[in-house]
Amino acid sequence: MNINLDELRNTPKTKSGFVTLIGRPNVGKSTLMNHLIGQKIAITSNKPQTTRNRIQTVYTSEQGQIVFLDTPGIHKAKNKLGEYMVNVAERTLNEVDVILWLVEPSTFIGAGEQHIAQQLTKTKTPVILIINKIDTVKKEEILKFIDAYRKIYNFAEIIPVSALRAQNLDTVIDTIFKYLPYGPMFYDEDTVTDQPQRQIVAEMIREKALRCLDEEIPHGIAVSIDRMKERPGAGLMYDIEATIICERDSHKGIIIGKGGSMLKKIGSNARRDIENMLEAKVNLQLWVKVKKDWRDSDFMIKNFGYDKKDI
């Protein structure tokens, strides 16, 4: 789609604003955002707490511009990293124009959802409830889920969707614009994310590690990009060196795998996504280091790109 940016900026009909996605870990927030934007930006995995930072992604159309913040899931904190993730998620609620609350299709509203509903009573921001994964239930059951949620909060709108199958996503976009203020756009038309490339590359490697590894490791890993350089005179090619950080020596062995097989699998899976994003060939080298209890160290949390100043 060709969008005349100057025309958009100068017309009072353009809407522009910030939207946050909230919900318990793993309800599909990152999958929804990736489908809305049309590119893979947020880390997605079937393990909780996969989104570590607020990832800003930008959707631009003739209606205007939506800046999405994909927040870590709101949950009870178990360590300093968990505390950081919860604080970032809760602070975002008052900074945005619209809140999208993602839930799974169920009439049972558990303690996690009750906790989020309680947090939402502290804000005046309009809340749109998105009931995700409707492709997994019968159509006639959807009204029951809507009724159950209506009883716990006064939503501006309720929209059933399937993020994975891209069902009803146009309705989500149109409904968001309904609640955004008129005003100029914050980013250029071709901006998709304001995250540095290195950070996105680290998240992509971490996602592949989460997908490949056993249950006991996931949350205790981080990825640092040690080197990322374009190779001169080789067409478009990047050399990337990265380290997967884990908390235990036993985890290091699992991440490397027999004869390096697991590390090789993580690397080749990540390389494909990185090449698609950079639109270039990538030579990716991975190492594994043990840093005990890094999730409880303020210094290490900051070192891996989770900045306390953002809280």
C-alpha atoms as a PDB file:
ATOM      1  CA  MET A   1       0.000   0.000   0.000  1.00  0.00           C
ATOM      2  CA  ASN A   2       1.402   3.442  -0.956  1.00  0.00           C
ATOM      3  CA  ILE A   3       0.713   6.014   1.720  1.00  0.00           C
ATOM      4  CA  ASN A   4       1.271   9.714   1.138  1.00  0.00           C
ATOM      5  CA  LEU A   5       2.961  10.564   4.427  1.00  0.00           C
ATOM      6  CA  ASP A   6       2.861  14.358   4.049  1.00  0.00           C
ATOM      7  CA  GLU A   7      -0.840  14.236   3.293  1.00  0.00           C
ATOM      8  CA  LEU A   8      -1.433  12.022   6.316  1.00  0.00           C
ATOM      9  CA  ARG A   9       0.556  14.287   8.611  1.00  0.00           C
ATOM     10  CA  ASN A  10      -1.220  17.437   7.539  1.00  0.00           C
ATOM     11  CA  THR A  11      -4.769  16.194   7.651  1.00  0.00           C
ATOM     12  CA  PRO A  12      -6.783  16.467  10.867  1.00  0.00           C
ATOM     13  CA  LYS A  13      -8.445  13.140   9.997  1.00  0.00           C
ATOM     14  CA  THR A  14      -5.314  11.177  10.943  1.00  0.00           C
ATOM     15  CA  LYS A  15      -5.416   9.364  14.262  1.00  0.00           C
ATOM     16  CA  SER A  16      -2.330   8.396  16.182  1.00  0.00           C
ATOM     17  CA  GLY A  17      -1.748   6.824  19.562  1.00  0.00           C
ATOM     18  CA  PHE A  18      -0.269   4.200  21.855  1.00  0.00           C
ATOM     19  CA  VAL A  19      -1.802   0.811  22.601  1.00  0.00           C
ATOM     20  CA  THR A  20      -0.600  -1.784  25.074  1.00  0.00           C
ATOM     21  CA  LEU A  21      -1.262  -5.514  25.043  1.00  0.00           C
ATOM     22  CA  ILE A  22      -1.704  -7.076  28.454  1.00  0.00           C
ATOM     23  CA  GLY A  23      -2.684 -10.501  29.685  1.00  0.00           C
ATOM     24  CA  ARG A  24      -1.397 -13.460  31.621  1.00  0.00           C
ATOM     25  CA  PRO A  25       1.778 -15.095  30.300  1.00  0.00           C
ATOM     26  CA  ASN A  26       1.254 -17.003  27.052  1.00  0.00           C
ATOM     27  CA  VAL A  27      -2.259 -15.956  26.051  1.00  0.00           C
ATOM     28  CA  GLY A  28      -0.901 -15.019  22.609  1.00  0.00           C
ATOM     29  CA  LYS A  29       0.039 -11.335  22.954  1.00  0.00           C
ATOM     30  CA  SER A  30       3.208 -11.590  20.879  1.00  0.00           C
ATOM     31  CA  THR A  31       1.518 -13.760  18.229  1.00  0.00           C
ATOM     32  CA  LEU A  32      -1.298 -11.207  17.929  1.00  0.00           C
ATOM     33  CA  MET A  33       1.111  -8.311  17.551  1.00  0.00           C
ATOM     34  CA  ASN A  34       3.250 -10.128  14.995  1.00  0.00           C
ATOM     35  CA  HIS A  35       0.138 -10.840  12.876  1.00  0.00           C
ATOM     36  CA  LEU A  36      -1.179  -7.275  13.161  1.00  0.00           C
ATOM     37  CA  ILE A  37       2.152  -5.799  12.066  1.00  0.00           C
ATOM     38  CA  GLY A  38       2.882  -8.536   9.545  1.00  0.00           C
ATOM     39  CA  GLN A  39       6.467  -9.122  10.706  1.00  0.00           C
ATOM     40  CA  LYS A  40       8.054 -11.228  13.393  1.00  0.00           C
ATOM     41  CA  ILE A  41       9.075  -8.774  16.124  1.00  0.00           C
ATOM     42  CA  ALA A  42       8.013 -10.112  19.502  1.00  0.00           C
ATOM     43  CA  ILE A  43       9.434 -13.367  20.798  1.00  0.00           C
ATOM     44  CA  THR A  44       6.828 -16.157  20.762  1.00  0.00           C
ATOM     45  CA  SER A  45       7.056 -19.499  22.525  1.00  0.00           C
ATOM     46  CA  ASN A  46       4.695 -21.780  24.396  1.00  0.00           C
ATOM     47  CA  LYS A  47       6.583 -21.125  27.643  1.00  0.00           C
ATOM     48  CA  PRO A  48       5.436 -18.356  30.031  1.00  0.00           C
ATOM     49  CA  GLN A  49       7.297 -15.043  30.444  1.00  0.00           C
ATOM     50  CA  THR A  50       8.819 -15.084  26.967  1.00  0.00           C
ATOM     51  CA  THR A  51       8.409 -11.346  26.334  1.00  0.00           C
ATOM     52  CA  ARG A  52      11.001  -9.603  28.487  1.00  0.00           C
ATOM     53  CA  ASN A  53      10.851  -5.961  27.386  1.00  0.00           C
ATOM     54  CA  ARG A  54       8.169  -3.586  26.161  1.00  0.00           C
ATOM     55  CA  ILE A  55       8.593  -3.979  22.434  1.00  0.00           C
ATOM     56  CA  GLN A  56       7.401  -0.968  20.477  1.00  0.00           C
ATOM     57  CA  THR A  57       6.036  -1.839  17.056  1.00  0.00           C
ATOM     58  CA  VAL A  58       4.304   0.474  14.652  1.00  0.00           C
ATOM     59  CA  TYR A  59       1.252  -0.055  12.429  1.00  0.00           C
ATOM     60  CA  THR A  60       0.642   2.620   9.764  1.00  0.00           C
ATOM     61  CA  SER A  61      -2.352   2.790   7.427  1.00  0.00           C
ATOM     62  CA  GLU A  62      -4.509   5.451   5.786  1.00  0.00           C
ATOM     63  CA  GLN A  63      -6.429   5.763   9.066  1.00  0.00           C
ATOM     64  CA  GLY A  64      -3.260   6.829  10.873  1.00  0.00           C
ATOM     65  CA  GLN A  65      -0.760   5.134  13.155  1.00  0.00           C
ATOM     66  CA  ILE A  66      -0.880   2.734  16.109  1.00  0.00           C
ATOM     67  CA  VAL A  67       2.216   2.276  18.279  1.00  0.00           C
ATOM     68  CA  PHE A  68       1.971  -1.069  20.081  1.00  0.00           C
ATOM     69  CA  LEU A  69       3.733  -1.802  23.339  1.00  0.00           C
ATOM     70  CA  ASP A  70       3.961  -5.544  23.942  1.00  0.00           C
ATOM     71  CA  THR A  71       4.408  -5.823  27.690  1.00  0.00           C
ATOM     72  CA  PRO A  72       5.653  -8.755  29.733  1.00  0.00           C
ATOM     73  CA  GLY A  73       2.771 -10.776  31.192  1.00  0.00           C
ATOM     74  CA  ILE A  74       1.390  -9.525  34.494  1.00  0.00           C
ATOM     75  CA  HIS A  75       2.114 -12.157  37.108  1.00  0.00           C
ATOM     76  CA  LYS A  76       3.318 -12.432  40.708  1.00  0.00           C
ATOM     77  CA  ALA A  77       7.062 -11.674  40.878  1.00  0.00           C
ATOM     78  CA  LYS A  78       9.461 -14.443  42.002  1.00  0.00           C
ATOM     79  CA  ASN A  79      12.781 -12.617  41.616  1.00  0.00           C
ATOM     80  CA  LYS A  80      14.195  -9.234  40.576  1.00  0.00           C
ATOM     81  CA  LEU A  81      13.706  -9.913  36.873  1.00  0.00           C
ATOM     82  CA  GLY A  82      10.109 -10.994  37.532  1.00  0.00           C
ATOM     83  CA  GLU A  83       9.598  -7.834  39.621  1.00  0.00           C
ATOM     84  CA  TYR A  84      10.994  -5.713  36.787  1.00  0.00           C
ATOM     85  CA  MET A  85       8.659  -7.345  34.241  1.00  0.00           C
ATOM     86  CA  VAL A  86       5.561  -6.805  36.421  1.00  0.00           C
ATOM     87  CA  ASN A  87       6.428  -3.156  37.141  1.00  0.00           C
ATOM     88  CA  VAL A  88       6.910  -2.383  33.447  1.00  0.00           C
ATOM     89  CA  ALA A  89       3.575  -4.016  32.568  1.00  0.00           C
ATOM     90  CA  GLU A  90       1.603  -2.180  35.264  1.00  0.00           C
ATOM     91  CA  ARG A  91       3.156   1.230  34.635  1.00  0.00           C
ATOM     92  CA  THR A  92       2.273   1.050  30.950  1.00  0.00           C
ATOM     93  CA  LEU A  93      -1.482   1.012  31.685  1.00  0.00           C
ATOM     94  CA  ASN A  94      -1.573   4.730  32.480  1.00  0.00           C
ATOM     95  CA  GLU A  95       0.698   5.847  29.636  1.00  0.00           C
ATOM     96  CA  VAL A  96      -1.346   4.642  26.676  1.00  0.00           C
ATOM     97  CA  ASP A  97      -4.534   5.587  24.782  1.00  0.00           C
ATOM     98  CA  VAL A  98      -6.005   2.075  24.609  1.00  0.00           C
ATOM     99  CA  ILE A  99      -5.447  -1.175  26.514  1.00  0.00           C
ATOM    100  CA  LEU A 100      -5.940  -4.503  24.736  1.00  0.00           C
ATOM    101  CA  TRP A 101      -6.484  -7.259  27.300  1.00  0.00           C
ATOM    102  CA  LEU A 102      -5.973 -10.715  25.816  1.00  0.00           C
ATOM    103  CA  VAL A 103      -7.595 -13.750  27.415  1.00  0.00           C
ATOM    104  CA  GLU A 104      -8.170 -17.362  26.451  1.00  0.00           C
ATOM    105  CA  PRO A 105     -11.717 -18.604  25.777  1.00  0.00           C
ATOM    106  CA  SER A 106     -13.056 -19.800  29.133  1.00  0.00           C
ATOM    107  CA  THR A 107     -15.974 -19.137  31.482  1.00  0.00           C
ATOM    108  CA  PHE A 108     -13.651 -19.797  34.422  1.00  0.00           C
ATOM    109  CA  ILE A 109     -11.996 -16.549  35.469  1.00  0.00           C
ATOM    110  CA  GLY A 110      -9.031 -17.466  37.631  1.00  0.00           C
ATOM    111  CA  ALA A 111      -6.931 -15.546  40.151  1.00  0.00           C
ATOM    112  CA  GLY A 112      -4.594 -14.269  37.408  1.00  0.00           C
ATOM    113  CA  GLU A 113      -7.423 -12.618  35.474  1.00  0.00           C
ATOM    114  CA  GLN A 114      -8.998 -11.279  38.692  1.00  0.00           C
ATOM    115  CA  HIS A 115      -5.608  -9.698  39.511  1.00  0.00           C
ATOM    116  CA  ILE A 116      -5.495  -7.967  36.103  1.00  0.00           C
ATOM    117  CA  ALA A 117      -9.134  -6.761  36.413  1.00  0.00           C
ATOM    118  CA  GLN A 118      -8.178  -5.259  39.779  1.00  0.00           C
ATOM    119  CA  GLN A 119      -5.177  -3.450  38.220  1.00  0.00           C
ATOM    120  CA  LEU A 120      -7.419  -2.062  35.473  1.00  0.00           C
ATOM    121  CA  THR A 121      -9.778  -0.399  37.963  1.00  0.00           C
ATOM    122  CA  LYS A 122      -6.889   2.014  38.743  1.00  0.00           C
ATOM    123  CA  THR A 123      -6.834   3.408  35.192  1.00  0.00           C
ATOM    124  CA  LYS A 124      -9.249   5.484  33.094  1.00  0.00           C
ATOM    125  CA  THR A 125      -7.809   4.188  29.806  1.00  0.00           C
ATOM    126  CA  PRO A 126     -10.439   2.395  27.618  1.00  0.00           C
ATOM    127  CA  VAL A 127      -9.992  -1.379  27.727  1.00  0.00           C
ATOM    128  CA  ILE A 128     -10.801  -3.618  24.749  1.00  0.00           C
ATOM    129  CA  LEU A 129     -11.107  -7.295  25.690  1.00  0.00           C
ATOM    130  CA  ILE A 130      -9.703  -9.662  23.069  1.00  0.00           C
ATOM    131  CA  ILE A 131     -10.836 -13.268  23.513  1.00  0.00           C
ATOM    132  CA  ASN A 132      -8.085 -15.143  21.663  1.00  0.00           C
ATOM    133  CA  LYS A 133      -7.817 -18.737  20.353  1.00  0.00           C
ATOM    134  CA  ILE A 134     -11.477 -18.914  19.272  1.00  0.00           C
ATOM    135  CA  ASP A 135     -10.388 -21.443  16.632  1.00  0.00           C
ATOM    136  CA  THR A 136     -10.054 -23.941  19.516  1.00  0.00           C
ATOM    137  CA  VAL A 137     -13.708 -23.738  20.677  1.00  0.00           C
ATOM    138  CA  LYS A 138     -17.241 -24.092  19.252  1.00  0.00           C
ATOM    139  CA  LYS A 139     -18.811 -20.888  17.911  1.00  0.00           C
ATOM    140  CA  GLU A 140     -21.874 -21.143  20.149  1.00  0.00           C
ATOM    141  CA  GLU A 141     -19.632 -21.125  23.258  1.00  0.00           C
ATOM    142  CA  ILE A 142     -18.127 -17.703  22.506  1.00  0.00           C
ATOM    143  CA  LEU A 143     -21.160 -15.784  23.860  1.00  0.00           C
ATOM    144  CA  LYS A 144     -20.776 -17.571  27.208  1.00  0.00           C
ATOM    145  CA  PHE A 145     -17.168 -16.381  27.469  1.00  0.00           C
ATOM    146  CA  ILE A 146     -18.195 -12.808  26.622  1.00  0.00           C
ATOM    147  CA  ASP A 147     -20.897 -12.882  29.341  1.00  0.00           C
ATOM    148  CA  ALA A 148     -18.471 -14.245  31.946  1.00  0.00           C
ATOM    149  CA  TYR A 149     -15.984 -11.410  31.338  1.00  0.00           C
ATOM    150  CA  ARG A 150     -18.654  -8.696  31.175  1.00  0.00           C
ATOM    151  CA  LYS A 151     -19.395  -9.455  34.828  1.00  0.00           C
ATOM    152  CA  ILE A 152     -15.885  -8.615  36.063  1.00  0.00           C
ATOM    153  CA  TYR A 153     -15.117  -5.361  34.190  1.00  0.00           C
ATOM    154  CA  ASN A 154     -16.807  -2.623  32.166  1.00  0.00           C
ATOM    155  CA  PHE A 155     -15.067  -3.094  28.793  1.00  0.00           C
ATOM    156  CA  ALA A 156     -15.203  -0.503  26.016  1.00  0.00           C
ATOM    157  CA  GLU A 157     -15.438  -3.388  23.504  1.00  0.00           C
ATOM    158  CA  ILE A 158     -15.153  -7.195  23.427  1.00  0.00           C
ATOM    159  CA  ILE A 159     -13.733  -8.867  20.282  1.00  0.00           C
ATOM    160  CA  PRO A 160     -13.276 -12.630  19.742  1.00  0.00           C
ATOM    161  CA  VAL A 161     -10.221 -13.448  17.539  1.00  0.00           C
ATOM    162  CA  SER A 162      -7.744 -16.114  16.523  1.00  0.00           C
ATOM    163  CA  ALA A 163      -4.321 -14.450  16.412  1.00  0.00           C
ATOM    164  CA  LEU A 164      -2.701 -17.598  15.033  1.00  0.00           C
ATOM    165  CA  ARG A 165      -5.172 -17.906  12.139  1.00  0.00           C
ATOM    166  CA  ALA A 166      -5.481 -14.107  11.684  1.00  0.00           C
ATOM    167  CA  GLN A 167      -9.279 -14.221  12.244  1.00  0.00           C
ATOM    168  CA  ASN A 168     -11.058 -10.929  12.994  1.00  0.00           C
ATOM    169  CA  LEU A 169      -7.835  -8.898  13.158  1.00  0.00           C
ATOM    170  CA  ASP A 170      -9.201  -6.151  10.859  1.00  0.00           C
ATOM    171  CA  THR A 171     -11.935  -5.570  13.442  1.00  0.00           C
ATOM    172  CA  VAL A 172      -9.264  -5.171  16.130  1.00  0.00           C
ATOM    173  CA  ILE A 173      -7.436  -2.490  14.097  1.00  0.00           C
ATOM    174  CA  ASP A 174     -10.663  -0.595  13.228  1.00  0.00           C
ATOM    175  CA  THR A 175     -11.827  -0.694  16.862  1.00  0.00           C
ATOM    176  CA  ILE A 176      -8.493   0.605  18.162  1.00  0.00           C
ATOM    177  CA  PHE A 177      -8.643   3.587  15.771  1.00  0.00           C
ATOM    178  CA  LYS A 178     -12.127   4.372  17.097  1.00  0.00           C
ATOM    179  CA  TYR A 179     -10.575   5.201  20.501  1.00  0.00           C
ATOM    180  CA  LEU A 180      -7.376   6.944  19.371  1.00  0.00           C
ATOM    181  CA  PRO A 181      -7.036  10.754  19.400  1.00  0.00           C
ATOM    182  CA  TYR A 182      -6.625  12.783  16.200  1.00  0.00           C
ATOM    183  CA  GLY A 183      -3.075  13.963  15.738  1.00  0.00           C
ATOM    184  CA  PRO A 184       0.229  13.667  13.862  1.00  0.00           C
ATOM    185  CA  MET A 185       2.112  10.393  13.473  1.00  0.00           C
ATOM    186  CA  PHE A 186       4.988   9.554  15.795  1.00  0.00           C
ATOM    187  CA  TYR A 187       7.076   7.524  13.337  1.00  0.00           C
ATOM    188  CA  ASP A 188       7.849   7.426   9.615  1.00  0.00           C
ATOM    189  CA  GLU A 189       5.629   5.237   7.451  1.00  0.00           C
ATOM    190  CA  ASP A 190       8.202   2.443   7.032  1.00  0.00           C
ATOM    191  CA  THR A 191       9.087   2.156  10.739  1.00  0.00           C
ATOM    192  CA  VAL A 192       8.113  -1.225  12.149  1.00  0.00           C
ATOM    193  CA  THR A 193       9.916  -1.185  15.506  1.00  0.00           C
ATOM    194  CA  ASP A 194      12.051   1.181  17.583  1.00  0.00           C
ATOM    195  CA  GLN A 195      14.039  -1.670  19.115  1.00  0.00           C
ATOM    196  CA  PRO A 196      17.713  -1.778  18.145  1.00  0.00           C
ATOM    197  CA  GLN A 197      18.532  -4.561  15.673  1.00  0.00           C
ATOM    198  CA  ARG A 198      20.895  -6.206  18.170  1.00  0.00           C
ATOM    199  CA  GLN A 199      18.097  -6.509  20.712  1.00  0.00           C
ATOM    200  CA  ILE A 200      15.751  -8.101  18.170  1.00  0.00           C
ATOM    201  CA  VAL A 201      18.495 -10.551  17.130  1.00  0.00           C
ATOM    202  CA  ALA A 202      19.061 -11.476  20.805  1.00  0.00           C
ATOM    203  CA  GLU A 203      15.306 -12.050  21.260  1.00  0.00           C
ATOM    204  CA  MET A 204      15.175 -14.255  18.140  1.00  0.00           C
ATOM    205  CA  ILE A 205      18.024 -16.448  19.423  1.00  0.00           C
ATOM    206  CA  ARG A 206      16.374 -16.621  22.847  1.00  0.00           C
ATOM    207  CA  GLU A 207      13.055 -17.641  21.263  1.00  0.00           C
ATOM    208  CA  LYS A 208      14.686 -20.544  19.416  1.00  0.00           C
ATOM    209  CA  ALA A 209      16.463 -21.639  22.600  1.00  0.00           C
ATOM    210  CA  LEU A 210      13.137 -21.599  24.481  1.00  0.00           C
ATOM    211  CA  ARG A 211      11.485 -23.668  21.777  1.00  0.00           C
ATOM    212  CA  CYS A 212      14.258 -26.276  21.697  1.00  0.00           C
ATOM    213  CA  LEU A 213      15.045 -26.685  25.402  1.00  0.00           C
ATOM    214  CA  ASP A 214      13.496 -28.593  28.277  1.00  0.00           C
ATOM    215  CA  GLU A 215      11.018 -27.101  30.744  1.00  0.00           C
ATOM    216  CA  GLU A 216      13.491 -26.544  33.592  1.00  0.00           C
ATOM    217  CA  ILE A 217      15.802 -24.143  31.756  1.00  0.00           C
ATOM    218  CA  PRO A 218      13.723 -21.494  29.944  1.00  0.00           C
ATOM    219  CA  HIS A 219      13.344 -18.505  32.253  1.00  0.00           C
ATOM    220  CA  GLY A 220      16.940 -18.698  33.403  1.00  0.00           C
ATOM    221  CA  ILE A 221      18.405 -17.819  30.019  1.00  0.00           C
ATOM    222  CA  ALA A 222      19.370 -14.526  28.443  1.00  0.00           C
ATOM    223  CA  VAL A 223      21.237 -13.764  25.221  1.00  0.00           C
ATOM    224  CA  SER A 224      23.914 -11.133  24.739  1.00  0.00           C
ATOM    225  CA  ILE A 225      25.138 -10.060  21.298  1.00  0.00           C
ATOM    226  CA  ASP A 226      28.928  -9.797  21.548  1.00  0.00           C
ATOM    227  CA  ARG A 227      29.552  -8.745  17.962  1.00  0.00           C
ATOM    228  CA  MET A 228      27.352  -7.832  14.999  1.00  0.00           C
ATOM    229  CA  LYS A 229      29.103  -6.495  11.917  1.00  0.00           C
ATOM    230  CA  GLU A 230      28.385  -6.231   8.238  1.00  0.00           C
ATOM    231  CA  ARG A 231      31.084  -8.098   6.313  1.00  0.00           C
ATOM    232  CA  PRO A 232      32.785  -5.741   3.811  1.00  0.00           C
ATOM    233  CA  GLY A 233      32.816  -6.725   0.143  1.00  0.00           C
ATOM    234  CA  ALA A 234      30.726  -9.874   0.557  1.00  0.00           C
ATOM    235  CA  GLY A 235      27.381  -8.662  -0.788  1.00  0.00           C
ATOM    236  CA  LEU A 236      24.992  -8.183   2.101  1.00  0.00           C
ATOM    237  CA  MET A 237      26.278 -10.413   4.902  1.00  0.00           C
ATOM    238  CA  TYR A 238      26.506 -10.112   8.688  1.00  0.00           C
ATOM    239  CA  ASP A 239      28.848 -11.826  11.134  1.00  0.00           C
ATOM    240  CA  ILE A 240      27.085 -12.228  14.481  1.00  0.00           C
ATOM    241  CA  GLU A 241      28.605 -13.645  17.670  1.00  0.00           C
ATOM    242  CA  ALA A 242      26.253 -14.239  20.586  1.00  0.00           C
ATOM    243  CA  THR A 243      26.354 -15.825  24.037  1.00  0.00           C
ATOM    244  CA  ILE A 244      23.507 -17.720  25.677  1.00  0.00           C
ATOM    245  CA  ILE A 245      23.663 -17.085  29.435  1.00  0.00           C
ATOM    246  CA  CYS A 246      22.302 -19.728  31.810  1.00  0.00           C
ATOM    247  CA  GLU A 247      22.242 -20.093  35.599  1.00  0.00           C
ATOM    248  CA  ARG A 248      23.657 -23.604  36.148  1.00  0.00           C
ATOM    249  CA  ASP A 249      26.503 -25.776  34.865  1.00  0.00           C
ATOM    250  CA  SER A 250      24.010 -28.610  34.270  1.00  0.00           C
ATOM    251  CA  HIS A 251      21.994 -26.269  32.028  1.00  0.00           C
ATOM    252  CA  LYS A 252      25.082 -25.431  29.982  1.00  0.00           C
ATOM    253  CA  GLY A 253      25.465 -29.092  29.000  1.00  0.00           C
ATOM    254  CA  ILE A 254      21.813 -29.340  27.979  1.00  0.00           C
ATOM    255  CA  ILE A 255      22.027 -26.144  25.861  1.00  0.00           C
ATOM    256  CA  ILE A 256      25.172 -27.368  24.065  1.00  0.00           C
ATOM    257  CA  GLY A 257      23.791 -30.904  23.603  1.00  0.00           C
ATOM    258  CA  LYS A 258      25.589 -34.077  22.578  1.00  0.00           C
ATOM    259  CA  GLY A 259      28.489 -33.108  20.330  1.00  0.00           C
ATOM    260  CA  GLY A 260      27.106 -29.558  20.153  1.00  0.00           C
ATOM    261  CA  SER A 261      23.884 -30.771  18.451  1.00  0.00           C
ATOM    262  CA  MET A 262      21.429 -28.649  20.478  1.00  0.00           C
ATOM    263  CA  LEU A 263      23.442 -25.430  20.085  1.00  0.00           C
ATOM    264  CA  LYS A 264      23.696 -26.109  16.346  1.00  0.00           C
ATOM    265  CA  LYS A 265      19.900 -26.598  16.133  1.00  0.00           C
ATOM    266  CA  ILE A 266      19.216 -23.340  18.041  1.00  0.00           C
ATOM    267  CA  GLY A 267      21.714 -21.497  15.813  1.00  0.00           C
ATOM    268  CA  SER A 268      20.364 -22.717  12.475  1.00  0.00           C
ATOM    269  CA  ASN A 269      16.731 -22.064  13.497  1.00  0.00           C
ATOM    270  CA  ALA A 270      17.592 -18.538  14.699  1.00  0.00           C
ATOM    271  CA  ARG A 271      19.719 -17.778  11.638  1.00  0.00           C
ATOM    272  CA  ARG A 272      16.740 -18.259   9.289  1.00  0.00           C
ATOM    273  CA  ASP A 273      14.621 -15.676  11.176  1.00  0.00           C
ATOM    274  CA  ILE A 274      17.535 -13.231  11.482  1.00  0.00           C
ATOM    275  CA  GLU A 275      18.271 -13.489   7.741  1.00  0.00           C
ATOM    276  CA  ASN A 276      14.609 -12.780   6.932  1.00  0.00           C
ATOM    277  CA  MET A 277      14.606  -9.710   9.191  1.00  0.00           C
ATOM    278  CA  LEU A 278      17.948  -8.290   7.964  1.00  0.00           C
ATOM    279  CA  GLU A 279      17.284  -9.389   4.349  1.00  0.00           C
ATOM    280  CA  ALA A 280      20.898 -10.556   4.265  1.00  0.00           C
ATOM    281  CA  LYS A 281      23.023 -13.684   4.735  1.00  0.00           C
ATOM    282  CA  VAL A 282      24.118 -14.303   8.316  1.00  0.00           C
ATOM    283  CA  ASN A 283      27.099 -16.146   9.766  1.00  0.00           C
ATOM    284  CA  LEU A 284      25.968 -16.851  13.351  1.00  0.00           C
ATOM    285  CA  GLN A 285      28.263 -18.201  16.056  1.00  0.00           C
ATOM    286  CA  LEU A 286      26.913 -19.124  19.492  1.00  0.00           C
ATOM    287  CA  TRP A 287      28.607 -19.703  22.851  1.00  0.00           C
ATOM    288  CA  VAL A 288      27.192 -20.686  26.239  1.00  0.00           C
ATOM    289  CA  LYS A 289      28.242 -19.177  29.604  1.00  0.00           C
ATOM    290  CA  VAL A 290      27.100 -19.798  33.170  1.00  0.00           C
ATOM    291  CA  LYS A 291      26.308 -16.760  35.351  1.00  0.00           C
ATOM    292  CA  LYS A 292      24.741 -18.034  38.548  1.00  0.00           C
ATOM    293  CA  ASP A 293      21.562 -16.293  39.777  1.00  0.00           C
ATOM    294  CA  TRP A 294      21.776 -13.560  37.128  1.00  0.00           C
ATOM    295  CA  ARG A 295      18.018 -12.928  37.445  1.00  0.00           C
ATOM    296  CA  ASP A 296      18.540 -11.638  40.996  1.00  0.00           C
ATOM    297  CA  SER A 297      21.365  -9.253  40.115  1.00  0.00           C
ATOM    298  CA  ASP A 298      20.431  -5.649  39.246  1.00  0.00           C
ATOM    299  CA  PHE A 299      23.739  -5.273  37.406  1.00  0.00           C
ATOM    300  CA  MET A 300      23.230  -8.371  35.250  1.00  0.00           C
ATOM    301  CA  ILE A 301      19.591  -7.548  34.506  1.00  0.00           C
ATOM    302  CA  LYS A 302      20.794  -4.170  33.184  1.00  0.00           C
ATOM    303  CA  ASN A 303      23.688  -5.836  31.366  1.00  0.00           C
ATOM    304  CA  PHE A 304      21.275  -8.004  29.358  1.00  0.00           C
ATOM    305  CA  GLY A 305      19.211  -5.044  28.211  1.00  0.00           C
ATOM    306  CA  TYR A 306      16.529  -4.795  30.917  1.00  0.00           C
ATOM    307  CA  ASP A 307      17.001  -1.246  32.187  1.00  0.00           C
ATOM    308  CA  LYS A 308      15.673  -0.320  35.641  1.00  0.00           C
ATOM    309  CA  LYS A 309      15.341   3.302  34.441  1.00  0.00           C
ATOM    310  CA  ASP A 310      12.356   2.145  32.396  1.00  0.00           C
ATOM    311  CA  ILE A 311      10.356   1.435  35.541  1.00  0.00           C
END
